[in-house]
Amino acid sequence: MNALKHLIDKANKAVFLGGAGLSTESGIPDFRSSDGVFKAIKAYGVPPETLLSIDFFEDYPEIFYDYYKKFLIYPDAQPNNAHKALAKLEQTGKLNAVVTQNIDGLHQAAGSKHVCELHGSIYRNHCTRCRRFYSLEQIMQMKGVPTCECGGVIKPDVVLYGEGLDNSVVTDAIKSIREADTMIVGGTSLDLFHLL
């Protein structure tokens, strides 16, 4: 801890790079552990990479949304001490950005302002036809597959397998990382960051 504190004290432009492991203390399961999100998918008889793919969402929206609402949304989760510490570092000017794989919005709930959500957010949802915005609360109140007034299916702003990352988010993340003098990594295996 002393070594980490020393590195942070010396930092002028730190960036935090993290993933699902950061939110486990908030009661949100990670993906690959024995109690992780992928374990729950076994009940559906479909590999996780299939169930959480854009093709599956388009072909079987009922099954996708049944899983999504049960296992990917934790509206009662609260930021934990790690989220709060990162927000405090940003407020003091030590941390320039949070680059996260998480879709849970807990960094923002803790007070972080510059958050690059590589995989999107459960809090943003759009009609696939007319692009009308819907909140998480609206999605959760809808039975079955959430649909827009225009008849289009509503899709969460979550990057599914088979979809590309948002270019503006990736550009912001890369810029923040390139300008950083210190990188703090936590809660991630870094398996997906080789794609950047």
C-alpha atoms as a PDB file:
ATOM      1  CA  MET A   1       0.000   0.000   0.000  1.00  0.00           C
ATOM      2  CA  ASN A   2       2.864   2.373   0.773  1.00  0.00           C
ATOM      3  CA  ALA A   3       4.385   1.782  -2.667  1.00  0.00           C
ATOM      4  CA  LEU A   4       1.029   2.496  -4.334  1.00  0.00           C
ATOM      5  CA  LYS A   5       0.542   5.636  -2.258  1.00  0.00           C
ATOM      6  CA  HIS A   6       4.038   6.804  -3.230  1.00  0.00           C
ATOM      7  CA  LEU A   7       3.305   6.269  -6.949  1.00  0.00           C
ATOM      8  CA  ILE A   8       0.010   8.148  -6.701  1.00  0.00           C
ATOM      9  CA  ASP A   9       1.618  10.996  -4.747  1.00  0.00           C
ATOM     10  CA  LYS A  10       4.176  11.414  -7.548  1.00  0.00           C
ATOM     11  CA  ALA A  11       1.554  11.191 -10.324  1.00  0.00           C
ATOM     12  CA  ASN A  12       0.355  14.227 -12.226  1.00  0.00           C
ATOM     13  CA  LYS A  13      -1.770  12.502 -14.883  1.00  0.00           C
ATOM     14  CA  ALA A  14      -2.847   9.093 -13.610  1.00  0.00           C
ATOM     15  CA  VAL A  15      -5.385   6.897 -15.409  1.00  0.00           C
ATOM     16  CA  PHE A  16      -7.261   3.984 -13.869  1.00  0.00           C
ATOM     17  CA  LEU A  17      -7.852   0.948 -16.085  1.00  0.00           C
ATOM     18  CA  GLY A  18     -10.340  -1.539 -14.675  1.00  0.00           C
ATOM     19  CA  GLY A  19     -13.030  -4.116 -15.045  1.00  0.00           C
ATOM     20  CA  ALA A  20     -15.623  -6.313 -13.359  1.00  0.00           C
ATOM     21  CA  GLY A  21     -13.479  -7.212 -10.356  1.00  0.00           C
ATOM     22  CA  LEU A  22     -13.769  -3.638  -9.128  1.00  0.00           C
ATOM     23  CA  SER A  23     -17.552  -3.958  -8.698  1.00  0.00           C
ATOM     24  CA  THR A  24     -17.670  -7.332  -6.925  1.00  0.00           C
ATOM     25  CA  GLU A  25     -17.471  -5.553  -3.555  1.00  0.00           C
ATOM     26  CA  SER A  26     -20.671  -3.757  -4.592  1.00  0.00           C
ATOM     27  CA  GLY A  27     -22.459  -7.093  -5.032  1.00  0.00           C
ATOM     28  CA  ILE A  28     -22.118  -7.348  -8.813  1.00  0.00           C
ATOM     29  CA  PRO A  29     -20.661 -10.693  -9.922  1.00  0.00           C
ATOM     30  CA  ASP A  30     -17.736 -10.687 -12.303  1.00  0.00           C
ATOM     31  CA  PHE A  31     -17.766 -12.809 -15.445  1.00  0.00           C
ATOM     32  CA  ARG A  32     -15.426 -15.753 -15.096  1.00  0.00           C
ATOM     33  CA  SER A  33     -15.313 -16.694 -11.394  1.00  0.00           C
ATOM     34  CA  SER A  34     -17.329 -19.632 -10.000  1.00  0.00           C
ATOM     35  CA  ASP A  35     -20.138 -17.249  -9.026  1.00  0.00           C
ATOM     36  CA  GLY A  36     -19.724 -15.058 -12.082  1.00  0.00           C
ATOM     37  CA  VAL A  37     -22.131 -13.947 -14.769  1.00  0.00           C
ATOM     38  CA  PHE A  38     -21.053 -16.703 -17.173  1.00  0.00           C
ATOM     39  CA  LYS A  39     -22.179 -19.375 -14.673  1.00  0.00           C
ATOM     40  CA  ALA A  40     -25.760 -18.109 -14.850  1.00  0.00           C
ATOM     41  CA  ILE A  41     -25.797 -18.537 -18.610  1.00  0.00           C
ATOM     42  CA  LYS A  42     -25.567 -22.316 -18.238  1.00  0.00           C
ATOM     43  CA  ALA A  43     -29.271 -22.323 -17.348  1.00  0.00           C
ATOM     44  CA  TYR A  44     -30.018 -21.109 -20.873  1.00  0.00           C
ATOM     45  CA  GLY A  45     -28.075 -23.873 -22.636  1.00  0.00           C
ATOM     46  CA  VAL A  46     -26.229 -21.336 -24.760  1.00  0.00           C
ATOM     47  CA  PRO A  47     -22.543 -20.356 -24.558  1.00  0.00           C
ATOM     48  CA  PRO A  48     -22.059 -16.863 -23.098  1.00  0.00           C
ATOM     49  CA  GLU A  49     -20.448 -15.528 -26.249  1.00  0.00           C
ATOM     50  CA  THR A  50     -23.572 -16.560 -28.156  1.00  0.00           C
ATOM     51  CA  LEU A  51     -26.214 -15.358 -25.699  1.00  0.00           C
ATOM     52  CA  LEU A  52     -24.496 -11.991 -25.313  1.00  0.00           C
ATOM     53  CA  SER A  53     -24.010 -11.483 -29.065  1.00  0.00           C
ATOM     54  CA  ILE A  54     -25.708  -8.972 -31.338  1.00  0.00           C
ATOM     55  CA  ASP A  55     -26.964 -11.829 -33.550  1.00  0.00           C
ATOM     56  CA  PHE A  56     -28.640 -13.531 -30.577  1.00  0.00           C
ATOM     57  CA  PHE A  57     -30.151 -10.225 -29.450  1.00  0.00           C
ATOM     58  CA  GLU A  58     -31.659  -9.725 -32.912  1.00  0.00           C
ATOM     59  CA  ASP A  59     -32.827 -13.339 -33.370  1.00  0.00           C
ATOM     60  CA  TYR A  60     -33.989 -14.152 -29.817  1.00  0.00           C
ATOM     61  CA  PRO A  61     -34.707 -10.877 -28.018  1.00  0.00           C
ATOM     62  CA  GLU A  62     -37.045 -12.569 -25.496  1.00  0.00           C
ATOM     63  CA  ILE A  63     -34.301 -14.895 -24.211  1.00  0.00           C
ATOM     64  CA  PHE A  64     -31.689 -12.121 -24.333  1.00  0.00           C
ATOM     65  CA  TYR A  65     -33.831  -9.768 -22.236  1.00  0.00           C
ATOM     66  CA  ASP A  66     -34.809 -12.493 -19.781  1.00  0.00           C
ATOM     67  CA  TYR A  67     -31.115 -13.108 -19.101  1.00  0.00           C
ATOM     68  CA  TYR A  68     -30.113  -9.427 -19.269  1.00  0.00           C
ATOM     69  CA  LYS A  69     -32.678  -8.277 -16.712  1.00  0.00           C
ATOM     70  CA  LYS A  70     -31.953 -11.158 -14.319  1.00  0.00           C
ATOM     71  CA  PHE A  71     -28.164 -11.261 -14.446  1.00  0.00           C
ATOM     72  CA  LEU A  72     -26.662  -8.028 -15.793  1.00  0.00           C
ATOM     73  CA  ILE A  73     -28.663  -5.310 -14.069  1.00  0.00           C
ATOM     74  CA  TYR A  74     -28.104  -4.501 -10.393  1.00  0.00           C
ATOM     75  CA  PRO A  75     -29.990  -1.243  -9.819  1.00  0.00           C
ATOM     76  CA  ASP A  76     -29.488  -1.366  -6.037  1.00  0.00           C
ATOM     77  CA  ALA A  77     -25.696  -1.690  -6.221  1.00  0.00           C
ATOM     78  CA  GLN A  78     -23.799   1.175  -4.624  1.00  0.00           C
ATOM     79  CA  PRO A  79     -20.251   2.416  -5.253  1.00  0.00           C
ATOM     80  CA  ASN A  80     -17.702   0.761  -2.998  1.00  0.00           C
ATOM     81  CA  ASN A  81     -14.569   2.253  -1.438  1.00  0.00           C
ATOM     82  CA  ALA A  82     -12.528   1.702  -4.610  1.00  0.00           C
ATOM     83  CA  HIS A  83     -15.001   3.687  -6.737  1.00  0.00           C
ATOM     84  CA  LYS A  84     -15.066   6.440  -4.111  1.00  0.00           C
ATOM     85  CA  ALA A  85     -11.266   6.557  -3.838  1.00  0.00           C
ATOM     86  CA  LEU A  86     -10.926   6.956  -7.612  1.00  0.00           C
ATOM     87  CA  ALA A  87     -13.502   9.761  -7.628  1.00  0.00           C
ATOM     88  CA  LYS A  88     -11.568  11.485  -4.834  1.00  0.00           C
ATOM     89  CA  LEU A  89      -8.307  11.151  -6.794  1.00  0.00           C
ATOM     90  CA  GLU A  90      -9.991  12.812  -9.766  1.00  0.00           C
ATOM     91  CA  GLN A  91     -11.309  15.630  -7.561  1.00  0.00           C
ATOM     92  CA  THR A  92      -7.803  16.292  -6.231  1.00  0.00           C
ATOM     93  CA  GLY A  93      -6.436  16.470  -9.778  1.00  0.00           C
ATOM     94  CA  LYS A  94      -4.318  13.303  -9.560  1.00  0.00           C
ATOM     95  CA  LEU A  95      -6.506  11.124 -11.784  1.00  0.00           C
ATOM     96  CA  ASN A  96      -7.346  12.268 -15.312  1.00  0.00           C
ATOM     97  CA  ALA A  97      -9.618   9.423 -16.403  1.00  0.00           C
ATOM     98  CA  VAL A  98     -11.188   6.089 -15.594  1.00  0.00           C
ATOM     99  CA  VAL A  99     -11.149   3.593 -18.453  1.00  0.00           C
ATOM    100  CA  THR A 100     -13.534   0.757 -17.611  1.00  0.00           C
ATOM    101  CA  GLN A 101     -15.022  -2.378 -19.077  1.00  0.00           C
ATOM    102  CA  ASN A 102     -17.912  -2.090 -16.599  1.00  0.00           C
ATOM    103  CA  ILE A 103     -21.449  -1.215 -17.657  1.00  0.00           C
ATOM    104  CA  ASP A 104     -22.787  -0.580 -14.140  1.00  0.00           C
ATOM    105  CA  GLY A 105     -22.335   3.208 -13.842  1.00  0.00           C
ATOM    106  CA  LEU A 106     -20.808   2.940 -10.367  1.00  0.00           C
ATOM    107  CA  HIS A 107     -17.834   5.175 -11.199  1.00  0.00           C
ATOM    108  CA  GLN A 108     -20.198   8.019 -12.075  1.00  0.00           C
ATOM    109  CA  ALA A 109     -22.383   7.271  -9.038  1.00  0.00           C
ATOM    110  CA  ALA A 110     -19.257   7.678  -6.875  1.00  0.00           C
ATOM    111  CA  GLY A 111     -18.554  11.068  -8.444  1.00  0.00           C
ATOM    112  CA  SER A 112     -16.071  10.353 -11.252  1.00  0.00           C
ATOM    113  CA  LYS A 113     -16.580  12.722 -14.185  1.00  0.00           C
ATOM    114  CA  HIS A 114     -14.197  11.505 -16.900  1.00  0.00           C
ATOM    115  CA  VAL A 115     -15.198   7.864 -17.408  1.00  0.00           C
ATOM    116  CA  CYS A 116     -14.519   6.015 -20.660  1.00  0.00           C
ATOM    117  CA  GLU A 117     -17.070   3.182 -20.705  1.00  0.00           C
ATOM    118  CA  LEU A 118     -15.574   0.820 -23.270  1.00  0.00           C
ATOM    119  CA  HIS A 119     -18.527  -1.578 -23.141  1.00  0.00           C
ATOM    120  CA  GLY A 120     -21.304   0.986 -22.789  1.00  0.00           C
ATOM    121  CA  SER A 121     -23.829   1.401 -19.993  1.00  0.00           C
ATOM    122  CA  ILE A 122     -27.054  -0.170 -18.782  1.00  0.00           C
ATOM    123  CA  TYR A 123     -28.332   3.356 -18.141  1.00  0.00           C
ATOM    124  CA  ARG A 124     -28.554   4.256 -21.851  1.00  0.00           C
ATOM    125  CA  ASN A 125     -31.021   2.477 -24.104  1.00  0.00           C
ATOM    126  CA  HIS A 126     -32.166   3.343 -27.621  1.00  0.00           C
ATOM    127  CA  CYS A 127     -34.806   2.198 -30.063  1.00  0.00           C
ATOM    128  CA  THR A 128     -33.171   0.271 -32.904  1.00  0.00           C
ATOM    129  CA  ARG A 129     -35.568   1.915 -35.364  1.00  0.00           C
ATOM    130  CA  CYS A 130     -35.998   5.599 -34.420  1.00  0.00           C
ATOM    131  CA  ARG A 131     -33.098   5.969 -31.901  1.00  0.00           C
ATOM    132  CA  ARG A 132     -35.397   7.364 -29.170  1.00  0.00           C
ATOM    133  CA  PHE A 133     -33.739   7.262 -25.727  1.00  0.00           C
ATOM    134  CA  TYR A 134     -35.092   5.175 -22.846  1.00  0.00           C
ATOM    135  CA  SER A 135     -33.872   5.125 -19.250  1.00  0.00           C
ATOM    136  CA  LEU A 136     -33.028   1.983 -17.299  1.00  0.00           C
ATOM    137  CA  GLU A 137     -36.123   2.562 -15.177  1.00  0.00           C
ATOM    138  CA  GLN A 138     -38.334   2.565 -18.274  1.00  0.00           C
ATOM    139  CA  ILE A 139     -36.709  -0.638 -19.558  1.00  0.00           C
ATOM    140  CA  MET A 140     -37.205  -2.407 -16.237  1.00  0.00           C
ATOM    141  CA  GLN A 141     -40.900  -1.476 -16.145  1.00  0.00           C
ATOM    142  CA  MET A 142     -41.574  -2.995 -19.570  1.00  0.00           C
ATOM    143  CA  LYS A 143     -42.646  -6.641 -19.707  1.00  0.00           C
ATOM    144  CA  GLY A 144     -40.876  -9.007 -22.081  1.00  0.00           C
ATOM    145  CA  VAL A 145     -38.921  -7.359 -24.884  1.00  0.00           C
ATOM    146  CA  PRO A 146     -38.853  -3.563 -24.412  1.00  0.00           C
ATOM    147  CA  THR A 147     -40.294  -1.856 -27.460  1.00  0.00           C
ATOM    148  CA  CYS A 148     -40.570   1.761 -28.522  1.00  0.00           C
ATOM    149  CA  GLU A 149     -43.775   3.623 -29.336  1.00  0.00           C
ATOM    150  CA  CYS A 150     -42.724   3.310 -32.993  1.00  0.00           C
ATOM    151  CA  GLY A 151     -42.656  -0.484 -32.678  1.00  0.00           C
ATOM    152  CA  GLY A 152     -38.882  -0.868 -32.745  1.00  0.00           C
ATOM    153  CA  VAL A 153     -37.003  -3.055 -30.268  1.00  0.00           C
ATOM    154  CA  ILE A 154     -35.055  -1.126 -27.647  1.00  0.00           C
ATOM    155  CA  LYS A 155     -31.392  -2.103 -27.284  1.00  0.00           C
ATOM    156  CA  PRO A 156     -29.255  -1.364 -24.253  1.00  0.00           C
ATOM    157  CA  ASP A 157     -26.127   0.672 -24.984  1.00  0.00           C
ATOM    158  CA  VAL A 158     -24.015  -2.327 -24.067  1.00  0.00           C
ATOM    159  CA  VAL A 159     -21.403  -3.629 -26.502  1.00  0.00           C
ATOM    160  CA  LEU A 160     -22.361  -7.185 -27.398  1.00  0.00           C
ATOM    161  CA  TYR A 161     -20.165  -9.840 -28.989  1.00  0.00           C
ATOM    162  CA  GLY A 162     -20.009  -9.093 -32.705  1.00  0.00           C
ATOM    163  CA  GLU A 163     -20.262  -5.324 -32.211  1.00  0.00           C
ATOM    164  CA  GLY A 164     -17.427  -2.841 -32.382  1.00  0.00           C
ATOM    165  CA  LEU A 165     -16.508  -0.487 -29.575  1.00  0.00           C
ATOM    166  CA  ASP A 166     -17.612   3.134 -29.874  1.00  0.00           C
ATOM    167  CA  ASN A 167     -14.839   4.951 -31.750  1.00  0.00           C
ATOM    168  CA  SER A 168     -15.157   8.172 -29.757  1.00  0.00           C
ATOM    169  CA  VAL A 169     -14.871   6.290 -26.448  1.00  0.00           C
ATOM    170  CA  VAL A 170     -11.858   4.306 -27.663  1.00  0.00           C
ATOM    171  CA  THR A 171     -10.194   7.485 -28.959  1.00  0.00           C
ATOM    172  CA  ASP A 172     -10.769   9.220 -25.615  1.00  0.00           C
ATOM    173  CA  ALA A 173      -9.409   6.211 -23.709  1.00  0.00           C
ATOM    174  CA  ILE A 174      -6.300   5.937 -25.881  1.00  0.00           C
ATOM    175  CA  LYS A 175      -5.632   9.681 -25.608  1.00  0.00           C
ATOM    176  CA  SER A 176      -5.981   9.547 -21.820  1.00  0.00           C
ATOM    177  CA  ILE A 177      -3.669   6.533 -21.563  1.00  0.00           C
ATOM    178  CA  ARG A 178      -1.042   8.057 -23.871  1.00  0.00           C
ATOM    179  CA  GLU A 179      -0.973  11.259 -21.821  1.00  0.00           C
ATOM    180  CA  ALA A 180      -0.787   9.421 -18.481  1.00  0.00           C
ATOM    181  CA  ASP A 181       2.348   9.374 -16.387  1.00  0.00           C
ATOM    182  CA  THR A 182       0.918   6.665 -14.123  1.00  0.00           C
ATOM    183  CA  MET A 183      -1.408   3.757 -14.851  1.00  0.00           C
ATOM    184  CA  ILE A 184      -3.385   2.105 -12.073  1.00  0.00           C
ATOM    185  CA  VAL A 185      -4.890  -1.259 -13.073  1.00  0.00           C
ATOM    186  CA  GLY A 186      -7.485  -3.098 -11.007  1.00  0.00           C
ATOM    187  CA  GLY A 187     -10.296  -5.580 -11.289  1.00  0.00           C
ATOM    188  CA  THR A 188      -9.417  -6.866 -14.742  1.00  0.00           C
ATOM    189  CA  SER A 189      -7.487  -9.742 -16.272  1.00  0.00           C
ATOM    190  CA  LEU A 190      -6.675  -7.423 -19.197  1.00  0.00           C
ATOM    191  CA  ASP A 191      -7.828 -10.165 -21.592  1.00  0.00           C
ATOM    192  CA  LEU A 192      -9.873  -7.743 -23.691  1.00  0.00           C
ATOM    193  CA  PHE A 193      -7.497  -4.782 -23.672  1.00  0.00           C
ATOM    194  CA  HIS A 194      -5.189  -6.345 -26.260  1.00  0.00           C
ATOM    195  CA  LEU A 195      -7.868  -5.297 -28.751  1.00  0.00           C
ATOM    196  CA  LEU A 196      -7.044  -1.624 -28.158  1.00  0.00           C
END
